[in-house]
Protein backbone atom coordinates (compact mmCIF):
# COMPACT_ATOMS: atom_id res chain seq x y z
CA MET A 1 0.00 0.00 0.00
CA ILE A 2 1.30 3.43 -0.93
CA ASN A 3 1.46 6.13 1.72
CA LYS A 4 -1.22 8.65 0.72
CA ARG A 5 0.32 11.52 2.68
CA GLY A 6 3.63 11.36 0.82
CA MET A 7 7.14 10.61 1.93
CA LYS A 8 8.31 12.08 5.22
CA ARG A 9 11.66 13.84 5.34
CA GLN A 10 14.52 11.91 6.95
CA MET A 11 17.81 13.20 8.31
CA VAL A 12 20.88 11.64 9.89
CA GLY A 13 22.58 13.49 12.71
CA THR A 14 24.47 13.32 15.98
CA VAL A 15 22.90 13.70 19.41
CA VAL A 16 24.35 16.75 21.19
CA SER A 17 21.98 16.92 24.17
CA ASP A 18 19.79 14.42 26.04
CA LYS A 19 19.01 16.44 29.17
CA ALA A 20 15.26 16.80 28.61
CA GLU A 21 12.74 14.06 29.33
CA LYS A 22 11.94 12.11 26.11
CA THR A 23 13.61 14.81 23.98
CA ILE A 24 17.01 14.93 22.30
CA ILE A 25 18.76 17.63 20.29
CA VAL A 26 20.22 16.38 17.00
CA LEU A 27 22.90 18.25 15.06
CA VAL A 28 22.62 17.70 11.29
CA GLU A 29 25.49 18.72 9.00
CA ARG A 30 25.30 19.03 5.22
CA LEU A 31 27.59 20.24 2.46
CA VAL A 32 26.29 22.99 0.19
CA ARG A 33 28.06 24.33 -2.88
CA HIS A 34 28.61 28.10 -2.75
CA ARG A 35 26.90 29.81 -5.66
CA GLU A 36 29.66 32.28 -6.53
CA TYR A 37 32.87 30.57 -5.42
CA GLN A 38 31.87 26.99 -6.30
CA LYS A 39 33.35 25.84 -3.00
CA TYR A 40 31.64 23.43 -0.60
CA VAL A 41 30.49 25.03 2.66
CA ARG A 42 29.42 23.08 5.75
CA ARG A 43 25.94 24.01 7.04
CA ARG A 44 24.63 22.95 10.45
CA ALA A 45 21.15 22.82 11.95
CA LYS A 46 19.81 21.59 15.31
CA PHE A 47 16.51 19.76 15.59
CA ALA A 48 14.58 18.71 18.68
CA ALA A 49 13.43 15.10 18.29
CA HIS A 50 11.11 12.88 20.33
CA ASP A 51 12.85 9.89 21.96
CA ASP A 52 10.07 7.85 23.55
CA ASP A 53 12.32 5.30 25.31
CA ASN A 54 15.10 7.72 26.41
CA ALA A 55 17.47 5.31 24.61
CA CYS A 56 19.68 7.92 22.90
CA LYS A 57 22.81 9.30 24.55
CA ILE A 58 25.20 12.11 23.60
CA GLY A 59 27.36 11.13 20.61
CA ASP A 60 24.92 8.60 19.12
CA THR A 61 24.21 8.78 15.39
CA VAL A 62 20.44 8.66 14.79
CA LEU A 63 17.94 8.71 11.94
CA ILE A 64 15.08 11.16 12.54
CA ILE A 65 11.84 11.44 10.55
CA GLU A 66 9.44 14.32 10.27
CA SER A 67 6.19 14.10 12.24
CA ARG A 68 3.27 16.19 13.36
CA PRO A 69 4.06 18.95 15.88
CA LEU A 70 4.60 17.35 19.29
CA SER A 71 5.38 20.60 21.14
CA LYS A 72 6.46 24.15 20.38
CA THR A 73 9.84 23.04 19.01
CA LYS A 74 9.51 19.27 18.41
CA HIS A 75 8.51 18.23 14.87
CA TRP A 76 10.77 15.16 14.54
CA ARG A 77 10.85 11.61 15.94
CA VAL A 78 13.77 9.21 16.37
CA SER A 79 13.36 6.41 13.84
CA LYS A 80 16.41 4.33 14.75
CA ILE A 81 19.82 4.56 16.35
CA LEU A 82 22.41 3.95 13.63
CA ALA A 83 25.54 3.95 15.83
CA LYS A 84 26.06 4.12 19.57
CA ALA A 85 28.68 6.46 21.07
CA VAL A 86 31.94 4.88 22.18
């Protein structure tokens, strides 16, 4: 069955904070080519994501997917933990 609401956005990032209850902050980095200088520039963004089990710790690499608004700043959910921190 095809999802009628369309594909949800997915991002891979690193957990930088897990202090809140059931919430983590994920730092997502991407490379963007500069329009004039044709040089790659690193862009960063932080997203608040819902972690229902409090399983994520600082340094973990996680996959987050877009969801309905869960609070004022949370619009993402943790889909899976790709790599645990050492």
